[in-house]
Amino acid sequence: MKRETSPVEARSGAVSGRIFLVLVSSFVGAVIALGLCWAFLLPH
C-alpha cells in the first residue's frame, strides 16, 4: 500500500534536500579553496 505524501512530509523532504545541496556545495568550495591555497602557497 503506497500512501500519498502529505504536504508537511514533502516540505521536509525539500528542506533536507536543500540542506544536503548546501553541504555538498560548501564542501566542494572548501576543497577548491584548499587546492588553490596549496597550489599558490607551496613552492613549486
Protein backbone atom coordinates (compact mmCIF):
# COMPACT_ATOMS: atom_id res chain seq x y z
CA MET A 1 0.00 0.00 0.00
CA LYS A 2 1.60 3.23 -1.15
CA ARG A 3 0.50 6.20 0.89
CA GLU A 4 0.29 9.72 -0.51
CA THR A 5 2.90 12.02 0.99
CA SER A 6 1.44 14.85 2.99
CA PRO A 7 2.50 18.47 2.26
CA VAL A 8 4.45 18.55 5.52
CA GLU A 9 6.46 15.48 4.51
CA ALA A 10 7.08 16.91 1.04
CA ARG A 11 8.21 20.21 2.56
CA SER A 12 10.57 18.48 4.99
CA GLY A 13 11.99 16.46 2.10
CA ALA A 14 12.59 19.64 0.10
CA VAL A 15 14.26 21.29 3.10
CA SER A 16 16.52 18.30 3.72
CA GLY A 17 17.42 18.21 0.03
CA ARG A 18 18.28 21.91 0.11
CA ILE A 19 20.42 21.40 3.24
CA PHE A 20 22.18 18.49 1.53
CA LEU A 21 22.80 20.67 -1.53
CA VAL A 22 24.26 23.45 0.66
CA LEU A 23 26.51 20.96 2.46
CA VAL A 24 27.80 19.47 -0.79
CA SER A 25 28.41 22.88 -2.38
CA SER A 26 30.22 24.18 0.71
CA PHE A 27 32.34 21.01 0.82
CA VAL A 28 33.26 21.44 -2.86
CA GLY A 29 34.08 25.11 -2.24
CA ALA A 30 36.32 24.18 0.71
CA VAL A 31 38.15 21.58 -1.40
CA ILE A 32 38.69 24.10 -4.21
CA ALA A 33 39.91 26.75 -1.74
CA LEU A 34 42.32 24.26 -0.17
CA GLY A 35 43.60 23.27 -3.60
CA LEU A 36 44.15 26.91 -4.59
CA CYS A 37 45.94 27.70 -1.31
CA TRP A 38 48.07 24.57 -1.72
CA ALA A 39 48.92 25.50 -5.31
CA PHE A 40 49.75 29.13 -4.55
CA LEU A 41 51.48 28.86 -1.15
CA LEU A 42 53.69 25.84 -1.72
CA PRO A 43 56.87 26.50 -3.67
CA HIS A 44 56.94 24.56 -6.92
